[in-house]
């Protein structure tokens, strides 16, 4: 069973990523939103995850790899693809945005 999910703000000039902890049928915010490229969202997520010793190294790696996928997709396709395209690529996550 998946223990974490992403909330993503898909914007024209930034992508913001937050991680939620799945508890039963509900989610609880684990991190705040971290913006790319305004800030180094990946490094901020890593620091935040490292501060939570109850998350295994494997889970941290998996979450950071997924964050990399999201950031790369936004960098490559963000200007060309709408929020709907991002939702198609990552259907398991929650998206909101302006395009």
PDB file of N, CA and C in Angstrom:
ATOM      1  N   UNK A   1       0.846  -1.181   0.000  1.00  0.00           N
ATOM      2  CA  UNK A   1       0.000   0.000   0.000  1.00  0.00           C
ATOM      3  C   UNK A   1       0.894   1.248   0.000  1.00  0.00           C
ATOM      4  N   UNK A   2       0.499   2.204  -0.823  1.00  0.00           N
ATOM      5  CA  UNK A   2       1.262   3.447  -0.921  1.00  0.00           C
ATOM      6  C   UNK A   2       1.073   4.289   0.335  1.00  0.00           C
ATOM      7  N   UNK A   3       2.166   4.838   0.843  1.00  0.00           N
ATOM      8  CA  UNK A   3       2.119   5.617   2.075  1.00  0.00           C
ATOM      9  C   UNK A   3       2.188   7.116   1.848  1.00  0.00           C
ATOM     10  N   UNK A   4       2.545   7.530   0.602  1.00  0.00           N
ATOM     11  CA  UNK A   4       2.738   8.942   0.313  1.00  0.00           C
ATOM     12  C   UNK A   4       2.131   9.293  -1.042  1.00  0.00           C
ATOM     13  N   UNK A   5       1.785  10.557  -1.213  1.00  0.00           N
ATOM     14  CA  UNK A   5       1.315  11.049  -2.497  1.00  0.00           C
ATOM     15  C   UNK A   5       1.797  12.482  -2.660  1.00  0.00           C
ATOM     16  N   UNK A   6       1.720  12.971  -3.876  1.00  0.00           N
ATOM     17  CA  UNK A   6       2.159  14.337  -4.166  1.00  0.00           C
ATOM     18  C   UNK A   6       0.959  15.237  -4.444  1.00  0.00           C
ATOM     19  N   UNK A   7       1.109  16.494  -4.029  1.00  0.00           N
ATOM     20  CA  UNK A   7       0.217  17.584  -4.454  1.00  0.00           C
ATOM     21  C   UNK A   7       1.076  18.501  -5.315  1.00  0.00           C
ATOM     22  N   UNK A   8       0.586  18.852  -6.489  1.00  0.00           N
ATOM     23  CA  UNK A   8       1.397  19.597  -7.446  1.00  0.00           C
ATOM     24  C   UNK A   8       0.625  20.809  -7.952  1.00  0.00           C
ATOM     25  N   UNK A   9       1.282  21.970  -7.886  1.00  0.00           N
ATOM     26  CA  UNK A   9       0.761  23.188  -8.511  1.00  0.00           C
ATOM     27  C   UNK A   9       1.472  23.338  -9.845  1.00  0.00           C
ATOM     28  N   UNK A  10       0.719  23.234 -10.936  1.00  0.00           N
ATOM     29  CA  UNK A  10       1.280  23.280 -12.287  1.00  0.00           C
ATOM     30  C   UNK A  10       1.032  24.676 -12.829  1.00  0.00           C
ATOM     31  N   UNK A  11       2.068  25.519 -12.812  1.00  0.00           N
ATOM     32  CA  UNK A  11       1.940  26.915 -13.189  1.00  0.00           C
ATOM     33  C   UNK A  11       2.787  27.210 -14.418  1.00  0.00           C
ATOM     34  N   UNK A  12       2.546  28.359 -15.043  1.00  0.00           N
ATOM     35  CA  UNK A  12       3.296  28.712 -16.250  1.00  0.00           C
ATOM     36  C   UNK A  12       4.782  28.887 -15.975  1.00  0.00           C
ATOM     37  N   UNK A  13       5.135  29.524 -14.877  1.00  0.00           N
ATOM     38  CA  UNK A  13       6.531  29.854 -14.617  1.00  0.00           C
ATOM     39  C   UNK A  13       7.176  29.048 -13.495  1.00  0.00           C
ATOM     40  N   UNK A  14       6.403  28.208 -12.841  1.00  0.00           N
ATOM     41  CA  UNK A  14       6.904  27.395 -11.730  1.00  0.00           C
ATOM     42  C   UNK A  14       6.100  26.100 -11.657  1.00  0.00           C
ATOM     43  N   UNK A  15       6.702  25.130 -11.026  1.00  0.00           N
ATOM     44  CA  UNK A  15       5.962  23.957 -10.581  1.00  0.00           C
ATOM     45  C   UNK A  15       6.246  23.845  -9.087  1.00  0.00           C
ATOM     46  N   UNK A  16       5.202  23.574  -8.315  1.00  0.00           N
ATOM     47  CA  UNK A  16       5.376  23.437  -6.869  1.00  0.00           C
ATOM     48  C   UNK A  16       4.979  22.032  -6.461  1.00  0.00           C
ATOM     49  N   UNK A  17       5.787  21.444  -5.585  1.00  0.00           N
ATOM     50  CA  UNK A  17       5.583  20.058  -5.172  1.00  0.00           C
ATOM     51  C   UNK A  17       5.475  19.989  -3.656  1.00  0.00           C
ATOM     52  N   UNK A  18       4.457  19.296  -3.182  1.00  0.00           N
ATOM     53  CA  UNK A  18       4.310  19.005  -1.758  1.00  0.00           C
ATOM     54  C   UNK A  18       4.023  17.512  -1.630  1.00  0.00           C
ATOM     55  N   UNK A  19       4.397  16.948  -0.500  1.00  0.00           N
ATOM     56  CA  UNK A  19       4.162  15.524  -0.248  1.00  0.00           C
ATOM     57  C   UNK A  19       3.184  15.393   0.907  1.00  0.00           C
ATOM     58  N   UNK A  20       2.204  14.505   0.725  1.00  0.00           N
ATOM     59  CA  UNK A  20       1.243  14.174   1.777  1.00  0.00           C
ATOM     60  C   UNK A  20       1.491  12.745   2.244  1.00  0.00           C
ATOM     61  N   UNK A  21       1.206  12.505   3.500  1.00  0.00           N
ATOM     62  CA  UNK A  21       1.276  11.165   4.088  1.00  0.00           C
ATOM     63  C   UNK A  21      -0.129  10.578   4.018  1.00  0.00           C
ATOM     64  N   UNK A  22      -0.247   9.373   3.496  1.00  0.00           N
ATOM     65  CA  UNK A  22      -1.543   8.705   3.419  1.00  0.00           C
ATOM     66  C   UNK A  22      -1.758   7.922   4.704  1.00  0.00           C
ATOM     67  N   UNK A  23      -2.847   8.242   5.388  1.00  0.00           N
ATOM     68  CA  UNK A  23      -3.203   7.579   6.641  1.00  0.00           C
ATOM     69  C   UNK A  23      -4.620   7.023   6.467  1.00  0.00           C
ATOM     70  N   UNK A  24      -4.715   5.700   6.306  1.00  0.00           N
ATOM     71  CA  UNK A  24      -6.024   5.098   6.044  1.00  0.00           C
ATOM     72  C   UNK A  24      -6.572   5.619   4.725  1.00  0.00           C
ATOM     73  N   UNK A  25      -7.773   6.210   4.779  1.00  0.00           N
ATOM     74  CA  UNK A  25      -8.409   6.771   3.584  1.00  0.00           C
ATOM     75  C   UNK A  25      -8.136   8.266   3.442  1.00  0.00           C
ATOM     76  N   UNK A  26      -7.358   8.838   4.366  1.00  0.00           N
ATOM     77  CA  UNK A  26      -7.123  10.278   4.389  1.00  0.00           C
ATOM     78  C   UNK A  26      -5.669  10.609   4.092  1.00  0.00           C
ATOM     79  N   UNK A  27      -5.434  11.880   3.795  1.00  0.00           N
ATOM     80  CA  UNK A  27      -4.065  12.353   3.633  1.00  0.00           C
ATOM     81  C   UNK A  27      -3.795  13.450   4.646  1.00  0.00           C
ATOM     82  N   UNK A  28      -2.554  13.530   5.042  1.00  0.00           N
ATOM     83  CA  UNK A  28      -2.099  14.544   5.992  1.00  0.00           C
ATOM     84  C   UNK A  28      -0.870  15.208   5.389  1.00  0.00           C
ATOM     85  N   UNK A  29      -0.815  16.544   5.372  1.00  0.00           N
ATOM     86  CA  UNK A  29       0.354  17.207   4.782  1.00  0.00           C
ATOM     87  C   UNK A  29       1.648  16.790   5.486  1.00  0.00           C
ATOM     88  N   UNK A  30       2.631  16.398   4.698  1.00  0.00           N
ATOM     89  CA  UNK A  30       3.939  16.032   5.227  1.00  0.00           C
ATOM     90  C   UNK A  30       4.928  17.178   5.030  1.00  0.00           C
ATOM     91  N   UNK A  31       4.806  17.866   3.889  1.00  0.00           N
ATOM     92  CA  UNK A  31       5.683  19.005   3.597  1.00  0.00           C
ATOM     93  C   UNK A  31       4.839  20.171   3.106  1.00  0.00           C
ATOM     94  N   UNK A  32       5.434  21.346   3.125  1.00  0.00           N
ATOM     95  CA  UNK A  32       4.824  22.490   2.464  1.00  0.00           C
ATOM     96  C   UNK A  32       5.155  22.395   0.974  1.00  0.00           C
ATOM     97  N   UNK A  33       4.668  23.353   0.184  1.00  0.00           N
ATOM     98  CA  UNK A  33       5.007  23.379  -1.240  1.00  0.00           C
ATOM     99  C   UNK A  33       6.418  23.920  -1.423  1.00  0.00           C
ATOM    100  N   UNK A  34       7.160  23.269  -2.311  1.00  0.00           N
ATOM    101  CA  UNK A  34       8.488  23.731  -2.701  1.00  0.00           C
ATOM    102  C   UNK A  34       8.450  24.023  -4.200  1.00  0.00           C
ATOM    103  N   UNK A  35       8.934  25.208  -4.578  1.00  0.00           N
ATOM    104  CA  UNK A  35       8.804  25.687  -5.955  1.00  0.00           C
ATOM    105  C   UNK A  35      10.087  25.499  -6.757  1.00  0.00           C
ATOM    106  N   UNK A  36       9.898  25.072  -8.013  1.00  0.00           N
ATOM    107  CA  UNK A  36      10.970  24.971  -8.990  1.00  0.00           C
ATOM    108  C   UNK A  36      10.581  25.824 -10.174  1.00  0.00           C
ATOM    109  N   UNK A  37      11.404  26.630 -10.790  1.00  0.00           N
ATOM    110  CA  UNK A  37      12.810  26.853 -10.513  1.00  0.00           C
ATOM    111  C   UNK A  37      13.076  28.017  -9.555  1.00  0.00           C
ATOM    112  N   UNK A  38      12.023  28.591  -8.992  1.00  0.00           N
ATOM    113  CA  UNK A  38      12.207  29.714  -8.067  1.00  0.00           C
ATOM    114  C   UNK A  38      13.189  29.351  -6.962  1.00  0.00           C
ATOM    115  N   UNK A  39      13.085  28.144  -6.440  1.00  0.00           N
ATOM    116  CA  UNK A  39      14.005  27.612  -5.432  1.00  0.00           C
ATOM    117  C   UNK A  39      14.424  26.229  -5.890  1.00  0.00           C
ATOM    118  N   UNK A  40      15.366  25.643  -5.206  1.00  0.00           N
ATOM    119  CA  UNK A  40      15.773  24.279  -5.525  1.00  0.00           C
ATOM    120  C   UNK A  40      14.834  23.316  -4.793  1.00  0.00           C
ATOM    121  N   UNK A  41      13.686  23.087  -5.406  1.00  0.00           N
ATOM    122  CA  UNK A  41      12.643  22.270  -4.771  1.00  0.00           C
ATOM    123  C   UNK A  41      13.150  20.890  -4.400  1.00  0.00           C
ATOM    124  N   UNK A  42      13.981  20.289  -5.250  1.00  0.00           N
ATOM    125  CA  UNK A  42      14.479  18.941  -4.971  1.00  0.00           C
ATOM    126  C   UNK A  42      15.308  18.939  -3.696  1.00  0.00           C
ATOM    127  N   UNK A  43      16.221  19.885  -3.578  1.00  0.00           N
ATOM    128  CA  UNK A  43      17.095  19.952  -2.398  1.00  0.00           C
ATOM    129  C   UNK A  43      16.271  20.245  -1.142  1.00  0.00           C
ATOM    130  N   UNK A  44      15.261  21.107  -1.262  1.00  0.00           N
ATOM    131  CA  UNK A  44      14.397  21.408  -0.120  1.00  0.00           C
ATOM    132  C   UNK A  44      13.600  20.180   0.304  1.00  0.00           C
ATOM    133  N   UNK A  45      13.098  19.427  -0.669  1.00  0.00           N
ATOM    134  CA  UNK A  45      12.380  18.188  -0.342  1.00  0.00           C
ATOM    135  C   UNK A  45      13.308  17.191   0.350  1.00  0.00           C
ATOM    136  N   UNK A  46      14.534  17.060  -0.150  1.00  0.00           N
ATOM    137  CA  UNK A  46      15.496  16.134   0.457  1.00  0.00           C
ATOM    138  C   UNK A  46      15.757  16.519   1.916  1.00  0.00           C
ATOM    139  N   UNK A  47      15.979  17.795   2.167  1.00  0.00           N
ATOM    140  CA  UNK A  47      16.222  18.268   3.532  1.00  0.00           C
ATOM    141  C   UNK A  47      15.025  17.970   4.423  1.00  0.00           C
ATOM    142  N   UNK A  48      13.831  18.228   3.907  1.00  0.00           N
ATOM    143  CA  UNK A  48      12.610  17.980   4.677  1.00  0.00           C
ATOM    144  C   UNK A  48      12.445  16.489   4.977  1.00  0.00           C
ATOM    145  N   UNK A  49      12.660  15.646   3.987  1.00  0.00           N
ATOM    146  CA  UNK A  49      12.527  14.199   4.196  1.00  0.00           C
ATOM    147  C   UNK A  49      13.603  13.681   5.153  1.00  0.00           C
ATOM    148  N   UNK A  50      14.806  14.212   5.040  1.00  0.00           N
ATOM    149  CA  UNK A  50      15.895  13.795   5.942  1.00  0.00           C
ATOM    150  C   UNK A  50      15.593  14.149   7.397  1.00  0.00           C
ATOM    151  N   UNK A  51      14.744  15.131   7.613  1.00  0.00           N
ATOM    152  CA  UNK A  51      14.401  15.534   8.984  1.00  0.00           C
ATOM    153  C   UNK A  51      13.345  14.620   9.611  1.00  0.00           C
ATOM    154  N   UNK A  52      12.867  13.647   8.849  1.00  0.00           N
ATOM    155  CA  UNK A  52      11.830  12.723   9.324  1.00  0.00           C
ATOM    156  C   UNK A  52      12.424  11.313   9.386  1.00  0.00           C
ATOM    157  N   UNK A  53      13.015  10.947  10.523  1.00  0.00           N
ATOM    158  CA  UNK A  53      13.727   9.668  10.619  1.00  0.00           C
ATOM    159  C   UNK A  53      12.826   8.439  10.468  1.00  0.00           C
ATOM    160  N   UNK A  54      11.538   8.592  10.599  1.00  0.00           N
ATOM    161  CA  UNK A  54      10.620   7.460  10.462  1.00  0.00           C
ATOM    162  C   UNK A  54      10.368   7.076   9.007  1.00  0.00           C
ATOM    163  N   UNK A  55      10.831   7.900   8.054  1.00  0.00           N
ATOM    164  CA  UNK A  55      10.705   7.550   6.638  1.00  0.00           C
ATOM    165  C   UNK A  55      11.967   6.787   6.245  1.00  0.00           C
ATOM    166  N   UNK A  56      11.801   5.597   5.664  1.00  0.00           N
ATOM    167  CA  UNK A  56      12.955   4.765   5.318  1.00  0.00           C
ATOM    168  C   UNK A  56      13.760   5.401   4.181  1.00  0.00           C
ATOM    169  N   UNK A  57      15.034   5.005   4.089  1.00  0.00           N
ATOM    170  CA  UNK A  57      15.894   5.505   3.010  1.00  0.00           C
ATOM    171  C   UNK A  57      15.300   5.156   1.646  1.00  0.00           C
ATOM    172  N   UNK A  58      14.757   3.951   1.528  1.00  0.00           N
ATOM    173  CA  UNK A  58      14.150   3.534   0.264  1.00  0.00           C
ATOM    174  C   UNK A  58      12.977   4.410  -0.124  1.00  0.00           C
ATOM    175  N   UNK A  59      12.136   4.757   0.855  1.00  0.00           N
ATOM    176  CA  UNK A  59      10.993   5.632   0.587  1.00  0.00           C
ATOM    177  C   UNK A  59      11.461   7.028   0.199  1.00  0.00           C
ATOM    178  N   UNK A  60      12.492   7.528   0.867  1.00  0.00           N
ATOM    179  CA  UNK A  60      13.029   8.852   0.533  1.00  0.00           C
ATOM    180  C   UNK A  60      13.535   8.867  -0.908  1.00  0.00           C
ATOM    181  N   UNK A  61      14.284   7.834  -1.284  1.00  0.00           N
ATOM    182  CA  UNK A  61      14.817   7.753  -2.645  1.00  0.00           C
ATOM    183  C   UNK A  61      13.682   7.703  -3.658  1.00  0.00           C
ATOM    184  N   UNK A  62      12.679   6.896  -3.374  1.00  0.00           N
ATOM    185  CA  UNK A  62      11.528   6.779  -4.274  1.00  0.00           C
ATOM    186  C   UNK A  62      10.818   8.128  -4.433  1.00  0.00           C
ATOM    187  N   UNK A  63      10.604   8.832  -3.326  1.00  0.00           N
ATOM    188  CA  UNK A  63       9.933  10.136  -3.368  1.00  0.00           C
ATOM    189  C   UNK A  63      10.767  11.160  -4.131  1.00  0.00           C
ATOM    190  N   UNK A  64      12.065  11.188  -3.893  1.00  0.00           N
ATOM    191  CA  UNK A  64      12.926  12.145  -4.595  1.00  0.00           C
ATOM    192  C   UNK A  64      13.036  11.823  -6.076  1.00  0.00           C
ATOM    193  N   UNK A  65      13.043  10.540  -6.426  1.00  0.00           N
ATOM    194  CA  UNK A  65      13.052  10.162  -7.842  1.00  0.00           C
ATOM    195  C   UNK A  65      11.772  10.611  -8.530  1.00  0.00           C
ATOM    196  N   UNK A  66      10.644  10.465  -7.851  1.00  0.00           N
ATOM    197  CA  UNK A  66       9.368  10.889  -8.428  1.00  0.00           C
ATOM    198  C   UNK A  66       9.327  12.410  -8.561  1.00  0.00           C
ATOM    199  N   UNK A  67       9.861  13.118  -7.569  1.00  0.00           N
ATOM    200  CA  UNK A  67       9.926  14.585  -7.653  1.00  0.00           C
ATOM    201  C   UNK A  67      10.777  14.998  -8.854  1.00  0.00           C
ATOM    202  N   UNK A  68      11.873  14.278  -9.096  1.00  0.00           N
ATOM    203  CA  UNK A  68      12.719  14.555 -10.259  1.00  0.00           C
ATOM    204  C   UNK A  68      11.938  14.361 -11.552  1.00  0.00           C
ATOM    205  N   UNK A  69      11.161  13.295 -11.632  1.00  0.00           N
ATOM    206  CA  UNK A  69      10.330  13.047 -12.821  1.00  0.00           C
ATOM    207  C   UNK A  69       9.366  14.199 -13.069  1.00  0.00           C
ATOM    208  N   UNK A  70       8.726  14.661 -12.004  1.00  0.00           N
ATOM    209  CA  UNK A  70       7.752  15.749 -12.127  1.00  0.00           C
ATOM    210  C   UNK A  70       8.448  17.028 -12.588  1.00  0.00           C
ATOM    211  N   UNK A  71       9.568  17.362 -11.959  1.00  0.00           N
ATOM    212  CA  UNK A  71      10.303  18.580 -12.332  1.00  0.00           C
ATOM    213  C   UNK A  71      10.785  18.487 -13.779  1.00  0.00           C
ATOM    214  N   UNK A  72      11.342  17.347 -14.159  1.00  0.00           N
ATOM    215  CA  UNK A  72      11.829  17.177 -15.536  1.00  0.00           C
ATOM    216  C   UNK A  72      10.694  17.288 -16.541  1.00  0.00           C
ATOM    217  N   UNK A  73       9.551  16.695 -16.243  1.00  0.00           N
ATOM    218  CA  UNK A  73       8.403  16.771 -17.141  1.00  0.00           C
ATOM    219  C   UNK A  73       7.969  18.224 -17.291  1.00  0.00           C
ATOM    220  N   UNK A  74       7.919  18.967 -16.192  1.00  0.00           N
ATOM    221  CA  UNK A  74       7.536  20.379 -16.253  1.00  0.00           C
ATOM    222  C   UNK A  74       8.549  21.169 -17.086  1.00  0.00           C
ATOM    223  N   UNK A  75       9.857  20.932 -16.844  1.00  0.00           N
ATOM    224  CA  UNK A  75      10.889  21.660 -17.579  1.00  0.00           C
ATOM    225  C   UNK A  75      10.815  21.379 -19.070  1.00  0.00           C
ATOM    226  N   UNK A  76      10.571  20.122 -19.429  1.00  0.00           N
ATOM    227  CA  UNK A  76      10.557  19.735 -20.835  1.00  0.00           C
ATOM    228  C   UNK A  76       9.245  20.092 -21.518  1.00  0.00           C
ATOM    229  N   UNK A  77       8.153  19.939 -20.779  1.00  0.00           N
ATOM    230  CA  UNK A  77       6.843  20.024 -21.413  1.00  0.00           C
ATOM    231  C   UNK A  77       5.950  21.118 -20.860  1.00  0.00           C
ATOM    232  N   UNK A  78       6.349  21.718 -19.744  1.00  0.00           N
ATOM    233  CA  UNK A  78       5.462  22.640 -19.039  1.00  0.00           C
ATOM    234  C   UNK A  78       4.919  23.758 -19.895  1.00  0.00           C
ATOM    235  N   UNK A  79       5.745  24.311 -20.765  1.00  0.00           N
ATOM    236  CA  UNK A  79       5.291  25.417 -21.606  1.00  0.00           C
ATOM    237  C   UNK A  79       4.343  24.929 -22.701  1.00  0.00           C
ATOM    238  N   UNK A  80       4.518  23.679 -23.102  1.00  0.00           N
ATOM    239  CA  UNK A  80       3.728  23.147 -24.216  1.00  0.00           C
ATOM    240  C   UNK A  80       2.500  22.377 -23.746  1.00  0.00           C
ATOM    241  N   UNK A  81       2.587  21.797 -22.563  1.00  0.00           N
ATOM    242  CA  UNK A  81       1.503  20.938 -22.111  1.00  0.00           C
ATOM    243  C   UNK A  81       0.719  21.581 -20.985  1.00  0.00           C
ATOM    244  N   UNK A  82      -0.535  21.340 -21.023  1.00  0.00           N
ATOM    245  CA  UNK A  82      -1.432  21.906 -20.030  1.00  0.00           C
ATOM    246  C   UNK A  82      -1.448  21.060 -18.764  1.00  0.00           C
ATOM    247  N   UNK A  83      -2.144  21.569 -17.803  1.00  0.00           N
ATOM    248  CA  UNK A  83      -2.380  20.849 -16.558  1.00  0.00           C
ATOM    249  C   UNK A  83      -2.973  19.472 -16.843  1.00  0.00           C
ATOM    250  N   UNK A  84      -3.861  19.392 -17.827  1.00  0.00           N
ATOM    251  CA  UNK A  84      -4.483  18.098 -18.170  1.00  0.00           C
ATOM    252  C   UNK A  84      -3.452  17.075 -18.635  1.00  0.00           C
ATOM    253  N   UNK A  85      -2.459  17.521 -19.407  1.00  0.00           N
ATOM    254  CA  UNK A  85      -1.406  16.600 -19.858  1.00  0.00           C
ATOM    255  C   UNK A  85      -0.584  16.096 -18.675  1.00  0.00           C
ATOM    256  N   UNK A  86      -0.308  16.979 -17.727  1.00  0.00           N
ATOM    257  CA  UNK A  86       0.446  16.575 -16.534  1.00  0.00           C
ATOM    258  C   UNK A  86      -0.359  15.552 -15.730  1.00  0.00           C
ATOM    259  N   UNK A  87      -1.663  15.769 -15.632  1.00  0.00           N
ATOM    260  CA  UNK A  87      -2.518  14.821 -14.903  1.00  0.00           C
ATOM    261  C   UNK A  87      -2.546  13.473 -15.600  1.00  0.00           C
ATOM    262  N   UNK A  88      -2.508  13.471 -16.927  1.00  0.00           N
ATOM    263  CA  UNK A  88      -2.462  12.206 -17.664  1.00  0.00           C
ATOM    264  C   UNK A  88      -1.155  11.464 -17.390  1.00  0.00           C
ATOM    265  N   UNK A  89      -0.053  12.200 -17.307  1.00  0.00           N
ATOM    266  CA  UNK A  89       1.270  11.600 -17.082  1.00  0.00           C
ATOM    267  C   UNK A  89       1.396  11.046 -15.660  1.00  0.00           C
ATOM    268  N   UNK A  90       0.806  11.765 -14.677  1.00  0.00           N
ATOM    269  CA  UNK A  90       0.912  11.375 -13.272  1.00  0.00           C
ATOM    270  C   UNK A  90      -0.492  11.276 -12.658  1.00  0.00           C
ATOM    271  N   UNK A  91      -1.288  10.301 -13.079  1.00  0.00           N
ATOM    272  CA  UNK A  91      -2.692  10.250 -12.644  1.00  0.00           C
ATOM    273  C   UNK A  91      -2.874   9.960 -11.158  1.00  0.00           C
ATOM    274  N   UNK A  92      -1.834   9.459 -10.497  1.00  0.00           N
ATOM    275  CA  UNK A  92      -1.962   9.086  -9.088  1.00  0.00           C
ATOM    276  C   UNK A  92      -1.818  10.282  -8.148  1.00  0.00           C
ATOM    277  N   UNK A  93      -1.490  11.476  -8.701  1.00  0.00           N
ATOM    278  CA  UNK A  93      -1.238  12.638  -7.860  1.00  0.00           C
ATOM    279  C   UNK A  93      -2.344  13.684  -7.994  1.00  0.00           C
ATOM    280  N   UNK A  94      -2.384  14.606  -7.051  1.00  0.00           N
ATOM    281  CA  UNK A  94      -3.375  15.683  -7.045  1.00  0.00           C
ATOM    282  C   UNK A  94      -2.775  16.932  -7.663  1.00  0.00           C
ATOM    283  N   UNK A  95      -3.418  17.451  -8.678  1.00  0.00           N
ATOM    284  CA  UNK A  95      -2.930  18.640  -9.383  1.00  0.00           C
ATOM    285  C   UNK A  95      -3.899  19.797  -9.235  1.00  0.00           C
ATOM    286  N   UNK A  96      -3.325  20.985  -9.219  1.00  0.00           N
ATOM    287  CA  UNK A  96      -4.086  22.210  -9.426  1.00  0.00           C
ATOM    288  C   UNK A  96      -3.161  23.142 -10.172  1.00  0.00           C
ATOM    289  N   UNK A  97      -3.725  24.179 -10.784  1.00  0.00           N
ATOM    290  CA  UNK A  97      -2.857  25.076 -11.534  1.00  0.00           C
ATOM    291  C   UNK A  97      -3.624  26.104 -12.316  1.00  0.00           C
ATOM    292  N   UNK A  98      -2.874  26.821 -13.161  1.00  0.00           N
ATOM    293  CA  UNK A  98      -3.439  27.968 -13.848  1.00  0.00           C
ATOM    294  C   UNK A  98      -3.558  27.785 -15.344  1.00  0.00           C
ATOM    295  N   UNK A  99      -3.142  26.640 -15.872  1.00  0.00           N
ATOM    296  CA  UNK A  99      -3.272  26.503 -17.335  1.00  0.00           C
ATOM    297  C   UNK A  99      -4.092  25.276 -17.631  1.00  0.00           C
TER     298      UNK A  99
END
